[in-house]
Amino acid sequence: MPKAVWNGVVIAEALDTEVEIVEHNIYFPVERIKREYLKDSSHTTMCPWKGVASYYDVEVDGKVNRNAAWYYPTPSEAAKAIKGRVAFWHGVEVSH
């Protein structure tokens, strides 16, 4: 069962059949994210084939991991499978 953990807290957990894996990143459905740990970030990046990514800061017990989660609000047609999903990095431990 894939899960994302940071600062000792499970931030996301889903069944294998619920996640999408793209470029070695696990994208969790938003329904499986513990939203209380995500704070909006103004950071964005551009992927040539997926589109513009937006980010969240991950905050657990007063500690903040800036831009540690990302998602594509309006992914390209080629990346439509990751719409409504969030992926993690920057020290967030993601296991599969």
Protein backbone atom coordinates (compact mmCIF):
# COMPACT_ATOMS: atom_id res chain seq x y z
CA MET A 1 0.00 0.00 0.00
CA PRO A 2 1.68 3.25 -1.11
CA LYS A 3 2.13 5.90 1.55
CA ALA A 4 3.81 9.26 2.05
CA VAL A 5 5.35 10.06 5.46
CA TRP A 6 7.05 13.19 6.72
CA ASN A 7 8.20 14.07 10.22
CA GLY A 8 6.80 10.75 11.45
CA VAL A 9 3.26 11.38 10.20
CA VAL A 10 1.41 9.61 7.37
CA ILE A 11 0.29 12.35 4.97
CA ALA A 12 -1.15 10.09 2.26
CA GLU A 13 -2.00 6.42 1.94
CA ALA A 14 -3.82 4.59 -0.83
CA LEU A 15 -4.33 1.20 -2.40
CA ASP A 16 -2.03 0.19 -5.26
CA THR A 17 -5.00 0.40 -7.62
CA GLU A 18 -5.74 4.00 -6.59
CA VAL A 19 -2.38 5.61 -7.40
CA GLU A 20 -0.82 6.61 -10.71
CA ILE A 21 2.92 6.27 -11.22
CA VAL A 22 4.43 8.70 -13.68
CA GLU A 23 8.18 9.14 -14.14
CA HIS A 24 8.82 7.14 -10.92
CA ASN A 25 6.58 9.48 -8.87
CA ILE A 26 3.53 8.15 -7.08
CA TYR A 27 0.48 10.38 -7.48
CA PHE A 28 -2.09 9.90 -4.70
CA PRO A 29 -5.78 10.69 -5.20
CA VAL A 30 -6.77 13.84 -3.31
CA GLU A 31 -9.32 11.78 -1.36
CA ARG A 32 -6.41 9.86 0.20
CA ILE A 33 -4.44 12.95 1.26
CA LYS A 34 -4.66 14.28 4.81
CA ARG A 35 -5.29 17.86 3.72
CA GLU A 36 -4.68 19.30 7.19
CA TYR A 37 -0.95 18.83 6.53
CA LEU A 38 -0.91 20.72 3.22
CA LYS A 39 -0.70 24.50 2.93
CA ASP A 40 -1.00 26.36 -0.37
CA SER A 41 2.24 27.59 -1.92
CA SER A 42 2.61 30.22 -4.65
CA HIS A 43 5.39 28.17 -6.29
CA THR A 44 4.80 26.75 -9.78
CA THR A 45 6.89 24.93 -12.37
CA MET A 46 6.36 23.96 -15.99
CA CYS A 47 6.70 20.45 -17.41
CA PRO A 48 6.87 20.32 -21.21
CA TRP A 49 4.43 17.42 -21.46
CA LYS A 50 2.33 17.58 -18.25
CA GLY A 51 1.76 21.33 -18.00
CA VAL A 52 2.01 23.76 -15.06
CA ALA A 53 2.49 22.23 -11.62
CA SER A 54 1.27 23.92 -8.44
CA TYR A 55 2.74 23.16 -5.03
CA TYR A 56 1.87 22.73 -1.38
CA ASP A 57 4.06 23.16 1.66
CA VAL A 58 3.85 20.16 3.99
CA GLU A 59 3.46 21.18 7.64
CA VAL A 60 3.62 18.72 10.54
CA ASP A 61 3.91 19.66 14.22
CA GLY A 62 5.00 23.21 13.39
CA LYS A 63 7.73 22.11 10.97
CA VAL A 64 7.39 23.19 7.35
CA ASN A 65 8.73 21.41 4.27
CA ARG A 66 8.40 24.02 1.53
CA ASN A 67 7.01 22.95 -1.84
CA ALA A 68 7.21 19.27 -0.89
CA ALA A 69 3.99 18.29 -2.67
CA TRP A 70 2.86 19.08 -6.19
CA TYR A 71 -0.12 18.61 -8.44
CA TYR A 72 -1.33 19.60 -11.90
CA PRO A 73 -4.62 21.53 -11.67
CA THR A 74 -5.13 21.31 -15.44
CA PRO A 75 -2.73 18.69 -16.82
CA SER A 76 -2.28 18.22 -20.53
CA GLU A 77 -4.30 15.57 -22.34
CA ALA A 78 -1.22 13.31 -22.27
CA ALA A 79 -1.13 13.54 -18.46
CA LYS A 80 -4.86 13.46 -17.72
CA ALA A 81 -4.41 10.38 -15.48
CA ILE A 82 -2.80 12.58 -12.78
CA LYS A 83 -5.62 15.13 -12.59
CA GLY A 84 -6.90 15.27 -9.02
CA ARG A 85 -3.71 13.67 -7.66
CA VAL A 86 -0.77 14.83 -5.54
CA ALA A 87 2.87 13.67 -5.51
CA PHE A 88 5.62 14.28 -2.93
CA TRP A 89 9.38 14.88 -2.72
CA HIS A 90 11.91 16.99 -0.72
CA GLY A 91 12.38 14.45 2.04
CA VAL A 92 8.83 13.11 2.17
CA GLU A 93 9.29 9.34 2.31
CA VAL A 94 7.13 7.70 -0.33
CA SER A 95 6.96 3.93 -0.24
CA HIS A 96 5.20 1.53 -2.56
